[in-house]
């Protein structure tokens, strides 16, 4: 599936709902006039130093992974509500990275 087909298949997805769903959640999408299941594989809602939210949702359709990124700006630093804005969709691959952590004995 190319990017245009993925955008068409995912055009009605509620990304905010997926952001809060459990990984492994499946949902129907239409690909080439056929309903197939997509799977949520990763989501992250991470605050930066200015309390803005950096949003990421990764879904799997068939054997391809698609990432939707976005952001949210908190209107007041005292309150946690924000309205997310979603950016572009991109095909991604899972790349394992190994990290060494030094812990106290």
PDB file of N, CA and C in Angstrom:
ATOM      1  N   UNK A   1       0.854  -1.168   0.000  1.00  0.00           N
ATOM      2  CA  UNK A   1       0.000   0.000   0.000  1.00  0.00           C
ATOM      3  C   UNK A   1       0.901   1.231   0.000  1.00  0.00           C
ATOM      4  N   UNK A   2       0.572   2.199  -0.836  1.00  0.00           N
ATOM      5  CA  UNK A   2       1.360   3.424  -0.847  1.00  0.00           C
ATOM      6  C   UNK A   2       0.751   4.452   0.111  1.00  0.00           C
ATOM      7  N   UNK A   3       1.420   5.595   0.261  1.00  0.00           N
ATOM      8  CA  UNK A   3       0.988   6.619   1.200  1.00  0.00           C
ATOM      9  C   UNK A   3      -0.421   7.119   0.896  1.00  0.00           C
ATOM     10  N   UNK A   4      -0.730   7.344  -0.351  1.00  0.00           N
ATOM     11  CA  UNK A   4      -2.057   7.831  -0.728  1.00  0.00           C
ATOM     12  C   UNK A   4      -3.150   6.841  -0.327  1.00  0.00           C
ATOM     13  N   UNK A   5      -2.906   5.560  -0.548  1.00  0.00           N
ATOM     14  CA  UNK A   5      -3.879   4.525  -0.165  1.00  0.00           C
ATOM     15  C   UNK A   5      -4.026   4.454   1.357  1.00  0.00           C
ATOM     16  N   UNK A   6      -2.923   4.605   2.075  1.00  0.00           N
ATOM     17  CA  UNK A   6      -2.981   4.582   3.542  1.00  0.00           C
ATOM     18  C   UNK A   6      -3.756   5.783   4.072  1.00  0.00           C
ATOM     19  N   UNK A   7      -3.518   6.964   3.490  1.00  0.00           N
ATOM     20  CA  UNK A   7      -4.255   8.152   3.907  1.00  0.00           C
ATOM     21  C   UNK A   7      -5.753   7.965   3.689  1.00  0.00           C
ATOM     22  N   UNK A   8      -6.105   7.361   2.580  1.00  0.00           N
ATOM     23  CA  UNK A   8      -7.519   7.106   2.279  1.00  0.00           C
ATOM     24  C   UNK A   8      -8.098   6.097   3.273  1.00  0.00           C
ATOM     25  N   UNK A   9      -7.359   5.046   3.571  1.00  0.00           N
ATOM     26  CA  UNK A   9      -7.836   4.016   4.502  1.00  0.00           C
ATOM     27  C   UNK A   9      -7.994   4.558   5.918  1.00  0.00           C
ATOM     28  N   UNK A  10      -7.148   5.504   6.302  1.00  0.00           N
ATOM     29  CA  UNK A  10      -7.130   5.999   7.687  1.00  0.00           C
ATOM     30  C   UNK A  10      -7.809   7.356   7.851  1.00  0.00           C
ATOM     31  N   UNK A  11      -8.497   7.839   6.823  1.00  0.00           N
ATOM     32  CA  UNK A  11      -9.051   9.196   6.866  1.00  0.00           C
ATOM     33  C   UNK A  11     -10.129   9.390   7.927  1.00  0.00           C
ATOM     34  N   UNK A  12     -10.835   8.338   8.318  1.00  0.00           N
ATOM     35  CA  UNK A  12     -11.908   8.484   9.310  1.00  0.00           C
ATOM     36  C   UNK A  12     -11.490   8.037  10.701  1.00  0.00           C
ATOM     37  N   UNK A  13     -10.218   7.750  10.904  1.00  0.00           N
ATOM     38  CA  UNK A  13      -9.734   7.286  12.204  1.00  0.00           C
ATOM     39  C   UNK A  13      -9.760   8.436  13.204  1.00  0.00           C
ATOM     40  N   UNK A  14     -10.217   8.154  14.407  1.00  0.00           N
ATOM     41  CA  UNK A  14     -10.178   9.130  15.494  1.00  0.00           C
ATOM     42  C   UNK A  14      -8.844   8.937  16.214  1.00  0.00           C
ATOM     43  N   UNK A  15      -7.842   9.730  15.843  1.00  0.00           N
ATOM     44  CA  UNK A  15      -6.492   9.566  16.382  1.00  0.00           C
ATOM     45  C   UNK A  15      -6.442   9.830  17.876  1.00  0.00           C
ATOM     46  N   UNK A  16      -7.261  10.734  18.368  1.00  0.00           N
ATOM     47  CA  UNK A  16      -7.303  11.010  19.810  1.00  0.00           C
ATOM     48  C   UNK A  16      -7.769   9.807  20.607  1.00  0.00           C
ATOM     49  N   UNK A  17      -8.750   9.085  20.079  1.00  0.00           N
ATOM     50  CA  UNK A  17      -9.223   7.866  20.741  1.00  0.00           C
ATOM     51  C   UNK A  17      -8.131   6.807  20.721  1.00  0.00           C
ATOM     52  N   UNK A  18      -7.443   6.663  19.589  1.00  0.00           N
ATOM     53  CA  UNK A  18      -6.350   5.690  19.515  1.00  0.00           C
ATOM     54  C   UNK A  18      -5.208   6.054  20.452  1.00  0.00           C
ATOM     55  N   UNK A  19      -4.977   7.334  20.649  1.00  0.00           N
ATOM     56  CA  UNK A  19      -3.918   7.793  21.536  1.00  0.00           C
ATOM     57  C   UNK A  19      -4.135   7.259  22.948  1.00  0.00           C
ATOM     58  N   UNK A  20      -5.391   7.088  23.331  1.00  0.00           N
ATOM     59  CA  UNK A  20      -5.714   6.631  24.683  1.00  0.00           C
ATOM     60  C   UNK A  20      -6.051   5.145  24.751  1.00  0.00           C
ATOM     61  N   UNK A  21      -6.093   4.463  23.617  1.00  0.00           N
ATOM     62  CA  UNK A  21      -6.434   3.032  23.587  1.00  0.00           C
ATOM     63  C   UNK A  21      -5.225   2.180  23.979  1.00  0.00           C
ATOM     64  N   UNK A  22      -5.502   0.922  24.308  1.00  0.00           N
ATOM     65  CA  UNK A  22      -4.428  -0.009  24.641  1.00  0.00           C
ATOM     66  C   UNK A  22      -3.757  -0.513  23.379  1.00  0.00           C
ATOM     67  N   UNK A  23      -2.448  -0.701  23.454  1.00  0.00           N
ATOM     68  CA  UNK A  23      -1.729  -1.281  22.330  1.00  0.00           C
ATOM     69  C   UNK A  23      -2.315  -2.658  22.038  1.00  0.00           C
ATOM     70  N   UNK A  24      -2.456  -2.999  20.778  1.00  0.00           N
ATOM     71  CA  UNK A  24      -3.082  -4.252  20.374  1.00  0.00           C
ATOM     72  C   UNK A  24      -4.544  -4.094  20.007  1.00  0.00           C
ATOM     73  N   UNK A  25      -5.115  -2.914  20.264  1.00  0.00           N
ATOM     74  CA  UNK A  25      -6.502  -2.643  19.890  1.00  0.00           C
ATOM     75  C   UNK A  25      -6.634  -2.711  18.369  1.00  0.00           C
ATOM     76  N   UNK A  26      -7.655  -3.415  17.900  1.00  0.00           N
ATOM     77  CA  UNK A  26      -7.901  -3.484  16.455  1.00  0.00           C
ATOM     78  C   UNK A  26      -9.121  -2.640  16.101  1.00  0.00           C
ATOM     79  N   UNK A  27      -9.138  -2.166  14.858  1.00  0.00           N
ATOM     80  CA  UNK A  27     -10.249  -1.355  14.371  1.00  0.00           C
ATOM     81  C   UNK A  27     -10.335  -1.534  12.861  1.00  0.00           C
ATOM     82  N   UNK A  28     -11.540  -1.432  12.302  1.00  0.00           N
ATOM     83  CA  UNK A  28     -11.702  -1.670  10.862  1.00  0.00           C
ATOM     84  C   UNK A  28     -11.325  -0.446  10.026  1.00  0.00           C
ATOM     85  N   UNK A  29     -10.687  -0.710   8.887  1.00  0.00           N
ATOM     86  CA  UNK A  29     -10.411   0.315   7.875  1.00  0.00           C
ATOM     87  C   UNK A  29     -10.720  -0.298   6.517  1.00  0.00           C
ATOM     88  N   UNK A  30     -10.952   0.536   5.538  1.00  0.00           N
ATOM     89  CA  UNK A  30     -11.243   0.044   4.190  1.00  0.00           C
ATOM     90  C   UNK A  30     -10.039   0.264   3.290  1.00  0.00           C
ATOM     91  N   UNK A  31      -9.527  -0.836   2.727  1.00  0.00           N
ATOM     92  CA  UNK A  31      -8.387  -0.796   1.823  1.00  0.00           C
ATOM     93  C   UNK A  31      -8.832  -1.414   0.507  1.00  0.00           C
ATOM     94  N   UNK A  32      -8.784  -0.634  -0.564  1.00  0.00           N
ATOM     95  CA  UNK A  32      -9.212  -1.110  -1.887  1.00  0.00           C
ATOM     96  C   UNK A  32     -10.604  -1.745  -1.851  1.00  0.00           C
ATOM     97  N   UNK A  33     -11.540  -1.046  -1.224  1.00  0.00           N
ATOM     98  CA  UNK A  33     -12.943  -1.468  -1.107  1.00  0.00           C
ATOM     99  C   UNK A  33     -13.136  -2.748  -0.295  1.00  0.00           C
ATOM    100  N   UNK A  34     -12.147  -3.119   0.502  1.00  0.00           N
ATOM    101  CA  UNK A  34     -12.251  -4.302   1.364  1.00  0.00           C
ATOM    102  C   UNK A  34     -11.987  -3.869   2.806  1.00  0.00           C
ATOM    103  N   UNK A  35     -12.861  -4.297   3.716  1.00  0.00           N
ATOM    104  CA  UNK A  35     -12.686  -3.963   5.126  1.00  0.00           C
ATOM    105  C   UNK A  35     -11.660  -4.922   5.730  1.00  0.00           C
ATOM    106  N   UNK A  36     -10.615  -4.351   6.330  1.00  0.00           N
ATOM    107  CA  UNK A  36      -9.577  -5.126   7.002  1.00  0.00           C
ATOM    108  C   UNK A  36      -9.364  -4.530   8.390  1.00  0.00           C
ATOM    109  N   UNK A  37      -8.738  -5.297   9.270  1.00  0.00           N
ATOM    110  CA  UNK A  37      -8.431  -4.794  10.602  1.00  0.00           C
ATOM    111  C   UNK A  37      -7.063  -4.140  10.629  1.00  0.00           C
ATOM    112  N   UNK A  38      -7.005  -2.978  11.227  1.00  0.00           N
ATOM    113  CA  UNK A  38      -5.744  -2.312  11.540  1.00  0.00           C
ATOM    114  C   UNK A  38      -5.520  -2.506  13.035  1.00  0.00           C
ATOM    115  N   UNK A  39      -4.270  -2.431  13.462  1.00  0.00           N
ATOM    116  CA  UNK A  39      -3.925  -2.655  14.859  1.00  0.00           C
ATOM    117  C   UNK A  39      -3.099  -1.494  15.395  1.00  0.00           C
ATOM    118  N   UNK A  40      -3.451  -1.010  16.580  1.00  0.00           N
ATOM    119  CA  UNK A  40      -2.651   0.002  17.256  1.00  0.00           C
ATOM    120  C   UNK A  40      -1.420  -0.696  17.837  1.00  0.00           C
ATOM    121  N   UNK A  41      -0.225  -0.261  17.439  1.00  0.00           N
ATOM    122  CA  UNK A  41       0.987  -0.897  17.956  1.00  0.00           C
ATOM    123  C   UNK A  41       1.750   0.001  18.920  1.00  0.00           C
ATOM    124  N   UNK A  42       1.504   1.318  18.881  1.00  0.00           N
ATOM    125  CA  UNK A  42       2.223   2.227  19.780  1.00  0.00           C
ATOM    126  C   UNK A  42       1.488   3.554  19.830  1.00  0.00           C
ATOM    127  N   UNK A  43       1.475   4.148  21.017  1.00  0.00           N
ATOM    128  CA  UNK A  43       0.970   5.514  21.143  1.00  0.00           C
ATOM    129  C   UNK A  43       1.732   6.208  22.267  1.00  0.00           C
ATOM    130  N   UNK A  44       1.909   7.514  22.102  1.00  0.00           N
ATOM    131  CA  UNK A  44       2.646   8.287  23.115  1.00  0.00           C
ATOM    132  C   UNK A  44       2.097   9.696  23.155  1.00  0.00           C
ATOM    133  N   UNK A  45       1.884  10.183  24.352  1.00  0.00           N
ATOM    134  CA  UNK A  45       1.429  11.541  24.622  1.00  0.00           C
ATOM    135  C   UNK A  45       2.436  12.098  25.625  1.00  0.00           C
ATOM    136  N   UNK A  46       3.436  12.791  25.131  1.00  0.00           N
ATOM    137  CA  UNK A  46       4.580  13.185  25.951  1.00  0.00           C
ATOM    138  C   UNK A  46       4.677  14.703  26.049  1.00  0.00           C
ATOM    139  N   UNK A  47       4.765  15.215  27.281  1.00  0.00           N
ATOM    140  CA  UNK A  47       4.895  16.655  27.501  1.00  0.00           C
ATOM    141  C   UNK A  47       6.352  17.080  27.348  1.00  0.00           C
ATOM    142  N   UNK A  48       6.556  18.271  26.748  1.00  0.00           N
ATOM    143  CA  UNK A  48       7.907  18.817  26.675  1.00  0.00           C
ATOM    144  C   UNK A  48       8.095  19.832  27.798  1.00  0.00           C
ATOM    145  N   UNK A  49       9.210  20.543  27.781  1.00  0.00           N
ATOM    146  CA  UNK A  49       9.531  21.480  28.866  1.00  0.00           C
ATOM    147  C   UNK A  49       8.564  22.656  28.953  1.00  0.00           C
ATOM    148  N   UNK A  50       7.840  22.944  27.883  1.00  0.00           N
ATOM    149  CA  UNK A  50       6.855  24.025  27.894  1.00  0.00           C
ATOM    150  C   UNK A  50       5.441  23.506  28.146  1.00  0.00           C
ATOM    151  N   UNK A  51       5.335  22.265  28.538  1.00  0.00           N
ATOM    152  CA  UNK A  51       4.058  21.595  28.801  1.00  0.00           C
ATOM    153  C   UNK A  51       3.222  21.400  27.537  1.00  0.00           C
ATOM    154  N   UNK A  52       3.838  21.535  26.382  1.00  0.00           N
ATOM    155  CA  UNK A  52       3.159  21.183  25.141  1.00  0.00           C
ATOM    156  C   UNK A  52       3.196  19.667  25.014  1.00  0.00           C
ATOM    157  N   UNK A  53       2.237  19.113  24.316  1.00  0.00           N
ATOM    158  CA  UNK A  53       2.162  17.667  24.155  1.00  0.00           C
ATOM    159  C   UNK A  53       2.656  17.273  22.773  1.00  0.00           C
ATOM    160  N   UNK A  54       3.558  16.306  22.729  1.00  0.00           N
ATOM    161  CA  UNK A  54       4.009  15.718  21.472  1.00  0.00           C
ATOM    162  C   UNK A  54       3.318  14.369  21.348  1.00  0.00           C
ATOM    163  N   UNK A  55       2.559  14.182  20.280  1.00  0.00           N
ATOM    164  CA  UNK A  55       1.692  13.024  20.123  1.00  0.00           C
ATOM    165  C   UNK A  55       2.191  12.120  19.008  1.00  0.00           C
ATOM    166  N   UNK A  56       2.137  10.818  19.241  1.00  0.00           N
ATOM    167  CA  UNK A  56       2.522   9.844  18.226  1.00  0.00           C
ATOM    168  C   UNK A  56       1.604   8.637  18.327  1.00  0.00           C
ATOM    169  N   UNK A  57       1.094   8.198  17.185  1.00  0.00           N
ATOM    170  CA  UNK A  57       0.298   6.973  17.104  1.00  0.00           C
ATOM    171  C   UNK A  57       0.840   6.159  15.934  1.00  0.00           C
ATOM    172  N   UNK A  58       1.122   4.871  16.173  1.00  0.00           N
ATOM    173  CA  UNK A  58       1.591   3.982  15.113  1.00  0.00           C
ATOM    174  C   UNK A  58       0.580   2.849  14.973  1.00  0.00           C
ATOM    175  N   UNK A  59       0.122   2.627  13.747  1.00  0.00           N
ATOM    176  CA  UNK A  59      -0.834   1.547  13.473  1.00  0.00           C
ATOM    177  C   UNK A  59      -0.250   0.618  12.410  1.00  0.00           C
ATOM    178  N   UNK A  60      -0.719  -0.608  12.443  1.00  0.00           N
ATOM    179  CA  UNK A  60      -0.280  -1.609  11.471  1.00  0.00           C
ATOM    180  C   UNK A  60      -1.463  -2.015  10.609  1.00  0.00           C
ATOM    181  N   UNK A  61      -1.253  -1.957   9.299  1.00  0.00           N
ATOM    182  CA  UNK A  61      -2.242  -2.445   8.333  1.00  0.00           C
ATOM    183  C   UNK A  61      -1.514  -3.485   7.493  1.00  0.00           C
ATOM    184  N   UNK A  62      -1.956  -4.716   7.560  1.00  0.00           N
ATOM    185  CA  UNK A  62      -1.225  -5.790   6.887  1.00  0.00           C
ATOM    186  C   UNK A  62       0.138  -5.933   7.532  1.00  0.00           C
ATOM    187  N   UNK A  63       1.193  -5.815   6.740  1.00  0.00           N
ATOM    188  CA  UNK A  63       2.541  -5.893   7.299  1.00  0.00           C
ATOM    189  C   UNK A  63       3.245  -4.534   7.287  1.00  0.00           C
ATOM    190  N   UNK A  64       2.483  -3.449   7.087  1.00  0.00           N
ATOM    191  CA  UNK A  64       3.064  -2.109   7.044  1.00  0.00           C
ATOM    192  C   UNK A  64       2.694  -1.319   8.290  1.00  0.00           C
ATOM    193  N   UNK A  65       3.630  -0.471   8.729  1.00  0.00           N
ATOM    194  CA  UNK A  65       3.420   0.395   9.886  1.00  0.00           C
ATOM    195  C   UNK A  65       3.281   1.839   9.413  1.00  0.00           C
ATOM    196  N   UNK A  66       2.306   2.544   9.997  1.00  0.00           N
ATOM    197  CA  UNK A  66       2.040   3.936   9.648  1.00  0.00           C
ATOM    198  C   UNK A  66       2.017   4.767  10.918  1.00  0.00           C
ATOM    199  N   UNK A  67       2.742   5.913  10.903  1.00  0.00           N
ATOM    200  CA  UNK A  67       2.824   6.783  12.086  1.00  0.00           C
ATOM    201  C   UNK A  67       2.150   8.116  11.792  1.00  0.00           C
ATOM    202  N   UNK A  68       1.305   8.515  12.729  1.00  0.00           N
ATOM    203  CA  UNK A  68       0.651   9.828  12.687  1.00  0.00           C
ATOM    204  C   UNK A  68       1.201  10.620  13.866  1.00  0.00           C
ATOM    205  N   UNK A  69       1.718  11.815  13.587  1.00  0.00           N
ATOM    206  CA  UNK A  69       2.241  12.651  14.663  1.00  0.00           C
ATOM    207  C   UNK A  69       1.371  13.888  14.813  1.00  0.00           C
ATOM    208  N   UNK A  70       1.454  14.476  15.983  1.00  0.00           N
ATOM    209  CA  UNK A  70       0.686  15.680  16.250  1.00  0.00           C
ATOM    210  C   UNK A  70       1.232  16.401  17.463  1.00  0.00           C
ATOM    211  N   UNK A  71       0.517  17.408  17.889  1.00  0.00           N
ATOM    212  CA  UNK A  71       0.931  18.204  19.026  1.00  0.00           C
ATOM    213  C   UNK A  71      -0.302  18.806  19.666  1.00  0.00           C
ATOM    214  N   UNK A  72      -0.138  19.232  20.882  1.00  0.00           N
ATOM    215  CA  UNK A  72      -1.197  19.924  21.591  1.00  0.00           C
ATOM    216  C   UNK A  72      -0.574  20.982  22.466  1.00  0.00           C
ATOM    217  N   UNK A  73      -1.191  22.127  22.520  1.00  0.00           N
ATOM    218  CA  UNK A  73      -0.687  23.211  23.337  1.00  0.00           C
ATOM    219  C   UNK A  73      -1.653  23.415  24.478  1.00  0.00           C
ATOM    220  N   UNK A  74      -1.138  23.343  25.689  1.00  0.00           N
ATOM    221  CA  UNK A  74      -1.976  23.552  26.866  1.00  0.00           C
ATOM    222  C   UNK A  74      -2.235  25.039  26.987  1.00  0.00           C
ATOM    223  N   UNK A  75      -3.516  25.407  27.064  1.00  0.00           N
ATOM    224  CA  UNK A  75      -3.876  26.825  27.136  1.00  0.00           C
ATOM    225  C   UNK A  75      -3.323  27.523  28.358  1.00  0.00           C
ATOM    226  N   UNK A  76      -3.305  26.852  29.478  1.00  0.00           N
ATOM    227  CA  UNK A  76      -2.736  27.388  30.700  1.00  0.00           C
ATOM    228  C   UNK A  76      -1.897  26.283  31.308  1.00  0.00           C
ATOM    229  N   UNK A  77      -0.740  26.628  31.816  1.00  0.00           N
ATOM    230  CA  UNK A  77       0.137  25.613  32.403  1.00  0.00           C
ATOM    231  C   UNK A  77      -0.457  25.016  33.679  1.00  0.00           C
ATOM    232  N   UNK A  78      -1.525  25.618  34.174  1.00  0.00           N
ATOM    233  CA  UNK A  78      -2.159  25.106  35.394  1.00  0.00           C
ATOM    234  C   UNK A  78      -3.183  24.010  35.103  1.00  0.00           C
ATOM    235  N   UNK A  79      -3.625  23.926  33.864  1.00  0.00           N
ATOM    236  CA  UNK A  79      -4.677  22.991  33.518  1.00  0.00           C
ATOM    237  C   UNK A  79      -4.208  22.063  32.415  1.00  0.00           C
ATOM    238  N   UNK A  80      -4.656  20.821  32.441  1.00  0.00           N
ATOM    239  CA  UNK A  80      -4.129  19.818  31.533  1.00  0.00           C
ATOM    240  C   UNK A  80      -4.877  19.616  30.233  1.00  0.00           C
ATOM    241  N   UNK A  81      -5.972  20.333  29.995  1.00  0.00           N
ATOM    242  CA  UNK A  81      -6.741  20.103  28.778  1.00  0.00           C
ATOM    243  C   UNK A  81      -6.107  20.795  27.583  1.00  0.00           C
ATOM    244  N   UNK A  82      -6.125  20.129  26.456  1.00  0.00           N
ATOM    245  CA  UNK A  82      -5.626  20.705  25.226  1.00  0.00           C
ATOM    246  C   UNK A  82      -6.366  20.086  24.060  1.00  0.00           C
ATOM    247  N   UNK A  83      -6.369  20.771  22.955  1.00  0.00           N
ATOM    248  CA  UNK A  83      -6.986  20.269  21.723  1.00  0.00           C
ATOM    249  C   UNK A  83      -5.859  19.816  20.798  1.00  0.00           C
ATOM    250  N   UNK A  84      -5.782  18.511  20.488  1.00  0.00           N
ATOM    251  CA  UNK A  84      -4.682  18.046  19.644  1.00  0.00           C
ATOM    252  C   UNK A  84      -4.835  18.487  18.191  1.00  0.00           C
ATOM    253  N   UNK A  85      -3.707  18.740  17.564  1.00  0.00           N
ATOM    254  CA  UNK A  85      -3.636  19.011  16.125  1.00  0.00           C
ATOM    255  C   UNK A  85      -2.787  17.904  15.524  1.00  0.00           C
ATOM    256  N   UNK A  86      -3.305  17.273  14.493  1.00  0.00           N
ATOM    257  CA  UNK A  86      -2.598  16.143  13.899  1.00  0.00           C
ATOM    258  C   UNK A  86      -1.901  16.560  12.622  1.00  0.00           C
ATOM    259  N   UNK A  87      -0.683  16.089  12.457  1.00  0.00           N
ATOM    260  CA  UNK A  87       0.126  16.392  11.285  1.00  0.00           C
ATOM    261  C   UNK A  87       0.048  15.287  10.259  1.00  0.00           C
ATOM    262  N   UNK A  88       1.162  15.029   9.658  1.00  0.00           N
ATOM    263  CA  UNK A  88       1.216  14.117   8.520  1.00  0.00           C
ATOM    264  C   UNK A  88       1.272  12.647   8.925  1.00  0.00           C
ATOM    265  N   UNK A  89       1.000  11.804   7.951  1.00  0.00           N
ATOM    266  CA  UNK A  89       1.083  10.355   8.080  1.00  0.00           C
ATOM    267  C   UNK A  89       2.333   9.916   7.329  1.00  0.00           C
ATOM    268  N   UNK A  90       3.061   8.958   7.895  1.00  0.00           N
ATOM    269  CA  UNK A  90       4.274   8.469   7.241  1.00  0.00           C
ATOM    270  C   UNK A  90       4.407   6.970   7.470  1.00  0.00           C
ATOM    271  N   UNK A  91       4.940   6.280   6.469  1.00  0.00           N
ATOM    272  CA  UNK A  91       5.246   4.858   6.654  1.00  0.00           C
ATOM    273  C   UNK A  91       6.546   4.774   7.444  1.00  0.00           C
ATOM    274  N   UNK A  92       6.577   3.864   8.406  1.00  0.00           N
ATOM    275  CA  UNK A  92       7.750   3.695   9.258  1.00  0.00           C
ATOM    276  C   UNK A  92       8.102   2.219   9.357  1.00  0.00           C
ATOM    277  N   UNK A  93       9.295   1.949   9.845  1.00  0.00           N
ATOM    278  CA  UNK A  93       9.725   0.579  10.135  1.00  0.00           C
ATOM    279  C   UNK A  93      10.146   0.529  11.591  1.00  0.00           C
ATOM    280  N   UNK A  94       9.961  -0.622  12.206  1.00  0.00           N
ATOM    281  CA  UNK A  94      10.403  -0.819  13.583  1.00  0.00           C
ATOM    282  C   UNK A  94      11.894  -1.131  13.554  1.00  0.00           C
ATOM    283  N   UNK A  95      12.662  -0.349  14.286  1.00  0.00           N
ATOM    284  CA  UNK A  95      14.102  -0.545  14.360  1.00  0.00           C
ATOM    285  C   UNK A  95      14.493  -0.699  15.824  1.00  0.00           C
ATOM    286  N   UNK A  96      14.837  -1.919  16.245  1.00  0.00           N
ATOM    287  CA  UNK A  96      15.248  -2.104  17.651  1.00  0.00           C
ATOM    288  C   UNK A  96      16.534  -1.341  17.940  1.00  0.00           C
ATOM    289  N   UNK A  97      16.585  -0.711  19.077  1.00  0.00           N
ATOM    290  CA  UNK A  97      17.783   0.002  19.530  1.00  0.00           C
ATOM    291  C   UNK A  97      18.121  -0.542  20.913  1.00  0.00           C
ATOM    292  N   UNK A  98      19.384  -0.774  21.135  1.00  0.00           N
ATOM    293  CA  UNK A  98      19.831  -1.290  22.423  1.00  0.00           C
ATOM    294  C   UNK A  98      20.463  -0.165  23.226  1.00  0.00           C
ATOM    295  N   UNK A  99      20.050  -0.055  24.495  1.00  0.00           N
ATOM    296  CA  UNK A  99      20.528   0.987  25.371  1.00  0.00           C
ATOM    297  C   UNK A  99      21.138   0.330  26.604  1.00  0.00           C
ATOM    298  N   UNK A 100      22.312   0.801  27.001  1.00  0.00           N
ATOM    299  CA  UNK A 100      22.941   0.322  28.225  1.00  0.00           C
ATOM    300  C   UNK A 100      22.613   1.307  29.344  1.00  0.00           C
ATOM    301  N   UNK A 101      22.099   0.772  30.429  1.00  0.00           N
ATOM    302  CA  UNK A 101      21.759   1.576  31.600  1.00  0.00           C
ATOM    303  C   UNK A 101      22.614   1.086  32.752  1.00  0.00           C
ATOM    304  N   UNK A 102      23.265   1.994  33.453  1.00  0.00           N
ATOM    305  CA  UNK A 102      24.099   1.649  34.590  1.00  0.00           C
ATOM    306  C   UNK A 102      23.304   1.892  35.875  1.00  0.00           C
ATOM    307  N   UNK A 103      23.073   0.809  36.614  1.00  0.00           N
ATOM    308  CA  UNK A 103      22.272   0.880  37.829  1.00  0.00           C
ATOM    309  C   UNK A 103      23.142   0.620  39.052  1.00  0.00           C
ATOM    310  N   UNK A 104      22.719   1.168  40.178  1.00  0.00           N
ATOM    311  CA  UNK A 104      23.412   0.916  41.434  1.00  0.00           C
ATOM    312  C   UNK A 104      23.276  -0.552  41.818  1.00  0.00           C
ATOM    313  N   UNK A 105      24.287  -1.071  42.486  1.00  0.00           N
ATOM    314  CA  UNK A 105      24.222  -2.460  42.979  1.00  0.00           C
ATOM    315  C   UNK A 105      23.419  -2.526  44.253  1.00  0.00           C
TER     316      UNK A 105
END
